[in-house]
């Protein structure tokens, strides 16, 4: 199982500083995500980014630039998949609390499906496509969506077999609101810091 950290998104809300380089609990979010992915897969992840300075963020990580430019996060998933053989575990670089246990459970289901995605809610389930495993059979349908300029990340899932990590199982690992929390703004960063403090006090 390969791993990839998706380092995309505009940095304008952090004054031009890439959000994955912000710190939560004294550690960069990028480093937290990379370690979780490495611990789950047993290997250093790829870093998917078009930023010219990306090789300096983590010199030990191989940087892969978008295979097809200007296609948003779906293009990042496509790039991670096309950068090697077999399935790939992808995690967005702005999710500081994704636990290794959850990632391992996604990997354990990967042999049976083309994609494995966790749910964050029961009932009217909500999928978390930026913390998921995608197999090679996803490449063609993603490429078709990109050609149609349909950049919705979940838009291609109907064309492949999808395994879900049910929300009830996610709940056993932790609160989905924390596990899948993503940092997009300075206010989110403050909230993430408070979540980290809450976790360390337990």
C-alpha atoms as a PDB file:
ATOM      1  CA  UNK A   1       0.000   0.000   0.000  1.00  0.00           C
ATOM      2  CA  UNK A   2       1.393   3.359  -1.051  1.00  0.00           C
ATOM      3  CA  UNK A   3       0.609   6.597   0.737  1.00  0.00           C
ATOM      4  CA  UNK A   4       0.230  10.184  -0.440  1.00  0.00           C
ATOM      5  CA  UNK A   5      -0.306  13.494   1.307  1.00  0.00           C
ATOM      6  CA  UNK A   6      -2.356  15.931  -0.762  1.00  0.00           C
ATOM      7  CA  UNK A   7      -0.847  19.381  -0.256  1.00  0.00           C
ATOM      8  CA  UNK A   8      -3.234  21.470  -2.308  1.00  0.00           C
ATOM      9  CA  UNK A   9      -5.565  24.391  -1.760  1.00  0.00           C
ATOM     10  CA  UNK A  10      -5.011  28.121  -1.699  1.00  0.00           C
ATOM     11  CA  UNK A  11      -2.922  29.598   1.089  1.00  0.00           C
ATOM     12  CA  UNK A  12      -4.515  33.049   0.897  1.00  0.00           C
ATOM     13  CA  UNK A  13      -6.350  32.673   4.210  1.00  0.00           C
ATOM     14  CA  UNK A  14      -3.028  32.212   5.992  1.00  0.00           C
ATOM     15  CA  UNK A  15      -1.373  35.233   4.422  1.00  0.00           C
ATOM     16  CA  UNK A  16       0.218  33.141   1.712  1.00  0.00           C
ATOM     17  CA  UNK A  17       1.703  30.556   4.095  1.00  0.00           C
ATOM     18  CA  UNK A  18       0.670  27.000   3.136  1.00  0.00           C
ATOM     19  CA  UNK A  19      -1.798  25.756   5.727  1.00  0.00           C
ATOM     20  CA  UNK A  20      -0.158  22.364   6.181  1.00  0.00           C
ATOM     21  CA  UNK A  21       2.914  24.144   7.553  1.00  0.00           C
ATOM     22  CA  UNK A  22       0.904  25.609  10.417  1.00  0.00           C
ATOM     23  CA  UNK A  23       1.456  23.990  13.807  1.00  0.00           C
ATOM     24  CA  UNK A  24      -0.973  22.186  16.076  1.00  0.00           C
ATOM     25  CA  UNK A  25       0.364  21.141  19.456  1.00  0.00           C
ATOM     26  CA  UNK A  26       3.833  22.345  18.527  1.00  0.00           C
ATOM     27  CA  UNK A  27       4.067  20.157  15.429  1.00  0.00           C
ATOM     28  CA  UNK A  28       3.356  21.011  11.792  1.00  0.00           C
ATOM     29  CA  UNK A  29       0.139  19.560  10.408  1.00  0.00           C
ATOM     30  CA  UNK A  30       2.105  18.184   7.445  1.00  0.00           C
ATOM     31  CA  UNK A  31       4.371  16.257   9.816  1.00  0.00           C
ATOM     32  CA  UNK A  32       1.406  14.866  11.746  1.00  0.00           C
ATOM     33  CA  UNK A  33      -0.303  13.657   8.578  1.00  0.00           C
ATOM     34  CA  UNK A  34       2.878  12.255   7.026  1.00  0.00           C
ATOM     35  CA  UNK A  35       3.655  10.269  10.178  1.00  0.00           C
ATOM     36  CA  UNK A  36       0.139   8.822  10.361  1.00  0.00           C
ATOM     37  CA  UNK A  37       0.302   7.740   6.721  1.00  0.00           C
ATOM     38  CA  UNK A  38       3.812   6.315   7.152  1.00  0.00           C
ATOM     39  CA  UNK A  39       2.821   4.381  10.271  1.00  0.00           C
ATOM     40  CA  UNK A  40      -0.212   2.963   8.482  1.00  0.00           C
ATOM     41  CA  UNK A  41       1.559   1.945   5.276  1.00  0.00           C
ATOM     42  CA  UNK A  42       5.083   1.256   6.489  1.00  0.00           C
ATOM     43  CA  UNK A  43       6.657   3.650   3.998  1.00  0.00           C
ATOM     44  CA  UNK A  44       7.171   7.372   3.516  1.00  0.00           C
ATOM     45  CA  UNK A  45       4.288   8.935   1.598  1.00  0.00           C
ATOM     46  CA  UNK A  46       4.443  10.941  -1.588  1.00  0.00           C
ATOM     47  CA  UNK A  47       3.792  14.663  -1.280  1.00  0.00           C
ATOM     48  CA  UNK A  48       1.445  15.847  -4.026  1.00  0.00           C
ATOM     49  CA  UNK A  49       2.026  19.568  -4.539  1.00  0.00           C
ATOM     50  CA  UNK A  50       2.676  22.116  -7.280  1.00  0.00           C
ATOM     51  CA  UNK A  51       4.324  24.618  -4.943  1.00  0.00           C
ATOM     52  CA  UNK A  52       7.892  25.414  -6.068  1.00  0.00           C
ATOM     53  CA  UNK A  53       9.085  25.289  -2.454  1.00  0.00           C
ATOM     54  CA  UNK A  54       7.451  21.909  -1.690  1.00  0.00           C
ATOM     55  CA  UNK A  55      10.743  19.938  -1.820  1.00  0.00           C
ATOM     56  CA  UNK A  56      12.001  22.072   1.082  1.00  0.00           C
ATOM     57  CA  UNK A  57       8.982  21.361   3.282  1.00  0.00           C
ATOM     58  CA  UNK A  58      10.022  17.770   3.836  1.00  0.00           C
ATOM     59  CA  UNK A  59      13.226  16.893   1.959  1.00  0.00           C
ATOM     60  CA  UNK A  60      12.721  13.215   2.813  1.00  0.00           C
ATOM     61  CA  UNK A  61       9.454  13.041   0.867  1.00  0.00           C
ATOM     62  CA  UNK A  62       9.220  12.638  -2.890  1.00  0.00           C
ATOM     63  CA  UNK A  63       7.247  15.522  -4.370  1.00  0.00           C
ATOM     64  CA  UNK A  64       4.904  14.744  -7.257  1.00  0.00           C
ATOM     65  CA  UNK A  65       3.373  17.571  -9.271  1.00  0.00           C
ATOM     66  CA  UNK A  66      -0.109  17.365 -10.754  1.00  0.00           C
ATOM     67  CA  UNK A  67      -0.310  15.066 -13.745  1.00  0.00           C
ATOM     68  CA  UNK A  68      -3.118  17.277 -15.070  1.00  0.00           C
ATOM     69  CA  UNK A  69      -2.961  20.892 -13.925  1.00  0.00           C
ATOM     70  CA  UNK A  70      -5.772  23.026 -12.513  1.00  0.00           C
ATOM     71  CA  UNK A  71      -8.099  20.153 -11.625  1.00  0.00           C
ATOM     72  CA  UNK A  72      -8.382  20.741  -7.901  1.00  0.00           C
ATOM     73  CA  UNK A  73      -8.375  18.002  -5.307  1.00  0.00           C
ATOM     74  CA  UNK A  74      -9.682  15.392  -7.725  1.00  0.00           C
ATOM     75  CA  UNK A  75      -6.622  16.061  -9.859  1.00  0.00           C
ATOM     76  CA  UNK A  76      -4.489  15.489  -6.760  1.00  0.00           C
ATOM     77  CA  UNK A  77      -6.042  12.074  -6.191  1.00  0.00           C
ATOM     78  CA  UNK A  78      -5.494  11.241  -9.862  1.00  0.00           C
ATOM     79  CA  UNK A  79      -1.851  12.293  -9.568  1.00  0.00           C
ATOM     80  CA  UNK A  80      -1.283  10.155  -6.471  1.00  0.00           C
ATOM     81  CA  UNK A  81      -2.814   7.144  -8.208  1.00  0.00           C
ATOM     82  CA  UNK A  82      -0.939   7.583 -11.464  1.00  0.00           C
ATOM     83  CA  UNK A  83       2.421   8.064  -9.700  1.00  0.00           C
ATOM     84  CA  UNK A  84       2.803   4.333  -9.059  1.00  0.00           C
ATOM     85  CA  UNK A  85       1.245   0.894  -9.190  1.00  0.00           C
ATOM     86  CA  UNK A  86      -1.453  -0.475  -6.946  1.00  0.00           C
ATOM     87  CA  UNK A  87      -3.781   1.329  -4.548  1.00  0.00           C
ATOM     88  CA  UNK A  88      -2.864   4.472  -2.670  1.00  0.00           C
ATOM     89  CA  UNK A  89      -3.935   5.819   0.705  1.00  0.00           C
ATOM     90  CA  UNK A  90      -4.491   9.556   0.374  1.00  0.00           C
ATOM     91  CA  UNK A  91      -4.907  12.050   3.205  1.00  0.00           C
ATOM     92  CA  UNK A  92      -5.257  15.819   2.889  1.00  0.00           C
ATOM     93  CA  UNK A  93      -2.494  17.752   4.583  1.00  0.00           C
ATOM     94  CA  UNK A  94      -4.854  19.940   6.601  1.00  0.00           C
ATOM     95  CA  UNK A  95      -6.294  17.102   8.756  1.00  0.00           C
ATOM     96  CA  UNK A  96      -4.143  17.030  11.916  1.00  0.00           C
ATOM     97  CA  UNK A  97      -6.111  14.425  13.876  1.00  0.00           C
ATOM     98  CA  UNK A  98      -6.479  11.507  11.460  1.00  0.00           C
ATOM     99  CA  UNK A  99      -5.433   8.451  13.515  1.00  0.00           C
ATOM    100  CA  UNK A 100      -3.329   5.529  12.332  1.00  0.00           C
ATOM    101  CA  UNK A 101      -5.961   3.035  13.494  1.00  0.00           C
ATOM    102  CA  UNK A 102      -8.542   4.498  11.118  1.00  0.00           C
ATOM    103  CA  UNK A 103      -6.083   4.470   8.213  1.00  0.00           C
ATOM    104  CA  UNK A 104      -5.215   0.844   8.879  1.00  0.00           C
ATOM    105  CA  UNK A 105      -8.881  -0.114   8.818  1.00  0.00           C
ATOM    106  CA  UNK A 106      -9.246   1.513   5.397  1.00  0.00           C
ATOM    107  CA  UNK A 107      -6.218  -0.409   4.142  1.00  0.00           C
ATOM    108  CA  UNK A 108      -7.574  -3.701   5.472  1.00  0.00           C
ATOM    109  CA  UNK A 109     -10.657  -3.333   3.256  1.00  0.00           C
ATOM    110  CA  UNK A 110      -8.782  -2.274   0.129  1.00  0.00           C
ATOM    111  CA  UNK A 111      -8.452  -5.737  -1.463  1.00  0.00           C
ATOM    112  CA  UNK A 112     -12.216  -6.074  -1.816  1.00  0.00           C
ATOM    113  CA  UNK A 113     -13.046  -2.697  -3.399  1.00  0.00           C
ATOM    114  CA  UNK A 114     -11.859  -0.154  -5.941  1.00  0.00           C
ATOM    115  CA  UNK A 115     -12.121   2.579  -3.302  1.00  0.00           C
ATOM    116  CA  UNK A 116     -12.537   2.571   0.478  1.00  0.00           C
ATOM    117  CA  UNK A 117     -13.915   5.719   2.088  1.00  0.00           C
ATOM    118  CA  UNK A 118     -14.909   6.394   5.714  1.00  0.00           C
ATOM    119  CA  UNK A 119     -18.278   7.758   6.776  1.00  0.00           C
ATOM    120  CA  UNK A 120     -18.509  10.594   9.253  1.00  0.00           C
ATOM    121  CA  UNK A 121     -22.232  10.288   9.905  1.00  0.00           C
ATOM    122  CA  UNK A 122     -24.787   7.486  10.175  1.00  0.00           C
ATOM    123  CA  UNK A 123     -28.122   7.603   8.361  1.00  0.00           C
ATOM    124  CA  UNK A 124     -27.676  10.224   5.681  1.00  0.00           C
ATOM    125  CA  UNK A 125     -24.030   9.248   5.534  1.00  0.00           C
ATOM    126  CA  UNK A 126     -21.324  11.700   4.675  1.00  0.00           C
ATOM    127  CA  UNK A 127     -18.189  10.356   3.031  1.00  0.00           C
ATOM    128  CA  UNK A 128     -14.706  11.699   3.699  1.00  0.00           C
ATOM    129  CA  UNK A 129     -12.940  11.352   0.322  1.00  0.00           C
ATOM    130  CA  UNK A 130      -9.759  13.132   1.463  1.00  0.00           C
ATOM    131  CA  UNK A 131      -8.982  10.300   3.858  1.00  0.00           C
ATOM    132  CA  UNK A 132      -9.429   7.228   1.696  1.00  0.00           C
ATOM    133  CA  UNK A 133      -7.861   4.437  -0.330  1.00  0.00           C
ATOM    134  CA  UNK A 134      -8.171   4.495  -4.125  1.00  0.00           C
ATOM    135  CA  UNK A 135      -7.257   1.643  -6.472  1.00  0.00           C
ATOM    136  CA  UNK A 136      -6.083   1.657 -10.057  1.00  0.00           C
ATOM    137  CA  UNK A 137      -9.603   1.048 -11.400  1.00  0.00           C
ATOM    138  CA  UNK A 138     -10.435   4.588 -10.271  1.00  0.00           C
ATOM    139  CA  UNK A 139      -8.014   6.098 -12.793  1.00  0.00           C
ATOM    140  CA  UNK A 140     -10.193   5.820 -15.907  1.00  0.00           C
ATOM    141  CA  UNK A 141     -13.407   7.223 -14.361  1.00  0.00           C
ATOM    142  CA  UNK A 142     -11.466  10.061 -12.710  1.00  0.00           C
ATOM    143  CA  UNK A 143      -9.805  10.874 -16.031  1.00  0.00           C
ATOM    144  CA  UNK A 144     -13.239  10.992 -17.692  1.00  0.00           C
ATOM    145  CA  UNK A 145     -14.539  13.415 -15.050  1.00  0.00           C
ATOM    146  CA  UNK A 146     -11.481  15.620 -15.428  1.00  0.00           C
ATOM    147  CA  UNK A 147     -11.948  15.678 -19.201  1.00  0.00           C
ATOM    148  CA  UNK A 148     -15.546  16.800 -18.624  1.00  0.00           C
ATOM    149  CA  UNK A 149     -14.309  19.430 -16.135  1.00  0.00           C
ATOM    150  CA  UNK A 150     -16.361  17.776 -13.413  1.00  0.00           C
ATOM    151  CA  UNK A 151     -14.030  18.252 -10.459  1.00  0.00           C
ATOM    152  CA  UNK A 152     -16.354  16.964  -7.739  1.00  0.00           C
ATOM    153  CA  UNK A 153     -14.322  14.511  -5.711  1.00  0.00           C
ATOM    154  CA  UNK A 154     -17.220  12.124  -5.196  1.00  0.00           C
ATOM    155  CA  UNK A 155     -18.434  12.419  -8.789  1.00  0.00           C
ATOM    156  CA  UNK A 156     -16.661   9.288 -10.039  1.00  0.00           C
ATOM    157  CA  UNK A 157     -17.490   6.953  -7.150  1.00  0.00           C
ATOM    158  CA  UNK A 158     -20.639   5.677  -8.837  1.00  0.00           C
ATOM    159  CA  UNK A 159     -18.469   4.143 -11.538  1.00  0.00           C
ATOM    160  CA  UNK A 160     -16.389   1.987  -9.172  1.00  0.00           C
ATOM    161  CA  UNK A 161     -17.000  -0.413  -6.305  1.00  0.00           C
ATOM    162  CA  UNK A 162     -16.851   1.506  -3.040  1.00  0.00           C
ATOM    163  CA  UNK A 163     -16.318   0.040   0.390  1.00  0.00           C
ATOM    164  CA  UNK A 164     -17.343   2.190   3.320  1.00  0.00           C
ATOM    165  CA  UNK A 165     -15.893   2.264   6.781  1.00  0.00           C
ATOM    166  CA  UNK A 166     -19.233   2.706   8.578  1.00  0.00           C
ATOM    167  CA  UNK A 167     -19.744   5.685  10.835  1.00  0.00           C
ATOM    168  CA  UNK A 168     -20.475   3.378  13.770  1.00  0.00           C
ATOM    169  CA  UNK A 169     -16.988   1.910  13.414  1.00  0.00           C
ATOM    170  CA  UNK A 170     -15.443   5.340  13.025  1.00  0.00           C
ATOM    171  CA  UNK A 171     -17.192   6.356  16.257  1.00  0.00           C
ATOM    172  CA  UNK A 172     -15.371   3.566  18.088  1.00  0.00           C
ATOM    173  CA  UNK A 173     -12.070   5.199  17.140  1.00  0.00           C
ATOM    174  CA  UNK A 174     -13.072   8.741  18.027  1.00  0.00           C
ATOM    175  CA  UNK A 175     -15.388  11.645  17.385  1.00  0.00           C
ATOM    176  CA  UNK A 176     -15.656  12.092  13.586  1.00  0.00           C
ATOM    177  CA  UNK A 177     -15.869  15.865  14.061  1.00  0.00           C
ATOM    178  CA  UNK A 178     -12.325  15.709  15.453  1.00  0.00           C
ATOM    179  CA  UNK A 179     -10.887  12.864  13.368  1.00  0.00           C
ATOM    180  CA  UNK A 180     -11.790  14.569  10.090  1.00  0.00           C
ATOM    181  CA  UNK A 181     -11.339  18.149  11.262  1.00  0.00           C
ATOM    182  CA  UNK A 182      -9.571  20.188   8.610  1.00  0.00           C
ATOM    183  CA  UNK A 183      -7.813  23.514   9.005  1.00  0.00           C
ATOM    184  CA  UNK A 184      -8.767  26.093   6.382  1.00  0.00           C
ATOM    185  CA  UNK A 185      -8.653  29.385   8.270  1.00  0.00           C
ATOM    186  CA  UNK A 186      -6.846  30.953  11.258  1.00  0.00           C
ATOM    187  CA  UNK A 187     -10.043  30.379  13.248  1.00  0.00           C
ATOM    188  CA  UNK A 188      -9.905  26.673  12.366  1.00  0.00           C
ATOM    189  CA  UNK A 189      -6.295  26.607  13.521  1.00  0.00           C
ATOM    190  CA  UNK A 190      -7.283  28.059  16.887  1.00  0.00           C
ATOM    191  CA  UNK A 191     -10.018  25.458  17.205  1.00  0.00           C
ATOM    192  CA  UNK A 192      -7.590  22.676  16.275  1.00  0.00           C
ATOM    193  CA  UNK A 193      -5.185  23.859  18.975  1.00  0.00           C
ATOM    194  CA  UNK A 194      -7.988  23.721  21.539  1.00  0.00           C
ATOM    195  CA  UNK A 195      -8.981  20.239  20.362  1.00  0.00           C
ATOM    196  CA  UNK A 196      -5.370  19.137  20.783  1.00  0.00           C
ATOM    197  CA  UNK A 197      -5.247  20.561  24.309  1.00  0.00           C
ATOM    198  CA  UNK A 198      -8.490  18.773  25.154  1.00  0.00           C
ATOM    199  CA  UNK A 199      -7.092  15.467  23.905  1.00  0.00           C
ATOM    200  CA  UNK A 200      -3.827  15.823  25.841  1.00  0.00           C
ATOM    201  CA  UNK A 201      -5.710  16.601  29.076  1.00  0.00           C
ATOM    202  CA  UNK A 202      -7.616  13.321  28.896  1.00  0.00           C
END
